[in-house]
Amino acid sequence: MTKNHNNTMKLTSYLCVVNLVILGICGGIYAFSGFDLLSFITFGSETAYRIFLANCFVSAFFTVYSMIAFKPFKGLK
């Protein structure tokens, strides 16, 4: 049970980071070119756009929580 839980938490952390990287790429493209890639990906649907942004909001909080709770950089000096 514990090993499966750890693997699930690891997968969730990876998915959250990937989600934030995608948001960063879309934001960078919008900042440098003015083309709203996220709006293009969501086919102009404001609901889908907001759902993705809300998902990124939760992903950011989970990433911060996992960095505090699991201390992945504890052994680095």
C-alpha atoms as a PDB file:
ATOM      1  CA  MET A   1       0.000   0.000   0.000  1.00  0.00           C
ATOM      2  CA  THR A   2       2.747   2.475   0.914  1.00  0.00           C
ATOM      3  CA  LYS A   3       4.784   1.811  -2.229  1.00  0.00           C
ATOM      4  CA  ASN A   4       1.723   2.309  -4.419  1.00  0.00           C
ATOM      5  CA  HIS A   5       0.908   5.530  -2.558  1.00  0.00           C
ATOM      6  CA  ASN A   6       4.457   6.818  -3.054  1.00  0.00           C
ATOM      7  CA  ASN A   7       4.324   6.029  -6.770  1.00  0.00           C
ATOM      8  CA  THR A   8       0.993   7.827  -7.049  1.00  0.00           C
ATOM      9  CA  MET A   9       2.362  10.892  -5.275  1.00  0.00           C
ATOM     10  CA  LYS A  10       5.419  10.858  -7.550  1.00  0.00           C
ATOM     11  CA  LEU A  11       3.222  10.615 -10.647  1.00  0.00           C
ATOM     12  CA  THR A  12       1.008  13.445  -9.395  1.00  0.00           C
ATOM     13  CA  SER A  13       4.067  15.621  -8.782  1.00  0.00           C
ATOM     14  CA  TYR A  14       5.379  14.931 -12.289  1.00  0.00           C
ATOM     15  CA  LEU A  15       2.006  15.762 -13.840  1.00  0.00           C
ATOM     16  CA  CYS A  16       1.782  19.020 -11.892  1.00  0.00           C
ATOM     17  CA  VAL A  17       5.250  20.077 -12.986  1.00  0.00           C
ATOM     18  CA  VAL A  18       4.487  19.197 -16.614  1.00  0.00           C
ATOM     19  CA  ASN A  19       1.274  21.205 -16.358  1.00  0.00           C
ATOM     20  CA  LEU A  20       3.199  24.234 -15.083  1.00  0.00           C
ATOM     21  CA  VAL A  21       5.856  23.867 -17.796  1.00  0.00           C
ATOM     22  CA  ILE A  22       3.139  23.887 -20.463  1.00  0.00           C
ATOM     23  CA  LEU A  23       1.654  27.011 -18.889  1.00  0.00           C
ATOM     24  CA  GLY A  24       5.100  28.628 -18.833  1.00  0.00           C
ATOM     25  CA  ILE A  25       5.699  27.846 -22.501  1.00  0.00           C
ATOM     26  CA  CYS A  26       2.295  29.250 -23.477  1.00  0.00           C
ATOM     27  CA  GLY A  27       2.939  32.353 -21.358  1.00  0.00           C
ATOM     28  CA  GLY A  28       6.380  32.857 -22.871  1.00  0.00           C
ATOM     29  CA  ILE A  29       5.063  32.601 -26.400  1.00  0.00           C
ATOM     30  CA  TYR A  30       2.325  35.098 -25.556  1.00  0.00           C
ATOM     31  CA  ALA A  31       4.811  37.486 -23.910  1.00  0.00           C
ATOM     32  CA  PHE A  32       7.322  37.467 -26.771  1.00  0.00           C
ATOM     33  CA  SER A  33       5.068  37.209 -29.820  1.00  0.00           C
ATOM     34  CA  GLY A  34       1.604  38.284 -28.717  1.00  0.00           C
ATOM     35  CA  PHE A  35       0.090  35.009 -29.968  1.00  0.00           C
ATOM     36  CA  ASP A  36      -2.162  33.440 -27.327  1.00  0.00           C
ATOM     37  CA  LEU A  37      -1.250  29.772 -27.753  1.00  0.00           C
ATOM     38  CA  LEU A  38      -3.419  28.690 -24.827  1.00  0.00           C
ATOM     39  CA  SER A  39      -6.480  30.274 -26.425  1.00  0.00           C
ATOM     40  CA  PHE A  40      -5.552  28.562 -29.696  1.00  0.00           C
ATOM     41  CA  ILE A  41      -5.182  25.171 -27.964  1.00  0.00           C
ATOM     42  CA  THR A  42      -8.567  25.547 -26.241  1.00  0.00           C
ATOM     43  CA  PHE A  43     -10.208  26.582 -29.559  1.00  0.00           C
ATOM     44  CA  GLY A  44     -11.162  29.968 -28.115  1.00  0.00           C
ATOM     45  CA  SER A  45     -13.384  28.452 -25.420  1.00  0.00           C
ATOM     46  CA  GLU A  46     -13.247  30.722 -22.390  1.00  0.00           C
ATOM     47  CA  THR A  47     -14.523  27.918 -20.153  1.00  0.00           C
ATOM     48  CA  ALA A  48     -11.723  25.542 -21.196  1.00  0.00           C
ATOM     49  CA  TYR A  49      -9.214  28.381 -20.844  1.00  0.00           C
ATOM     50  CA  ARG A  50     -10.322  29.055 -17.259  1.00  0.00           C
ATOM     51  CA  ILE A  51     -10.412  25.355 -16.404  1.00  0.00           C
ATOM     52  CA  PHE A  52      -6.788  24.995 -17.520  1.00  0.00           C
ATOM     53  CA  LEU A  53      -5.738  28.076 -15.536  1.00  0.00           C
ATOM     54  CA  ALA A  54      -7.568  26.794 -12.436  1.00  0.00           C
ATOM     55  CA  ASN A  55      -5.862  23.434 -12.867  1.00  0.00           C
ATOM     56  CA  CYS A  56      -2.491  25.205 -13.039  1.00  0.00           C
ATOM     57  CA  PHE A  57      -3.374  27.128  -9.872  1.00  0.00           C
ATOM     58  CA  VAL A  58      -3.960  23.871  -7.990  1.00  0.00           C
ATOM     59  CA  SER A  59      -0.836  22.348  -9.577  1.00  0.00           C
ATOM     60  CA  ALA A  60       1.273  25.239  -8.302  1.00  0.00           C
ATOM     61  CA  PHE A  61      -0.037  24.838  -4.758  1.00  0.00           C
ATOM     62  CA  PHE A  62       0.496  21.064  -4.829  1.00  0.00           C
ATOM     63  CA  THR A  63       4.047  21.559  -6.110  1.00  0.00           C
ATOM     64  CA  VAL A  64       4.829  23.997  -3.297  1.00  0.00           C
ATOM     65  CA  TYR A  65       3.254  21.605  -0.772  1.00  0.00           C
ATOM     66  CA  SER A  66       5.259  18.652  -2.063  1.00  0.00           C
ATOM     67  CA  MET A  67       8.493  20.676  -1.909  1.00  0.00           C
ATOM     68  CA  ILE A  68       7.808  21.550   1.742  1.00  0.00           C
ATOM     69  CA  ALA A  69       6.437  18.171   2.855  1.00  0.00           C
ATOM     70  CA  PHE A  70       8.854  15.831   1.087  1.00  0.00           C
ATOM     71  CA  LYS A  71      12.013  18.008   1.126  1.00  0.00           C
ATOM     72  CA  PRO A  72      13.508  16.691  -2.121  1.00  0.00           C
ATOM     73  CA  PHE A  73      16.623  18.865  -1.782  1.00  0.00           C
ATOM     74  CA  LYS A  74      17.367  17.931   1.831  1.00  0.00           C
ATOM     75  CA  GLY A  75      20.563  15.994   1.036  1.00  0.00           C
ATOM     76  CA  LEU A  76      22.025  18.602  -1.322  1.00  0.00           C
ATOM     77  CA  LYS A  77      24.631  21.027   0.002  1.00  0.00           C
END
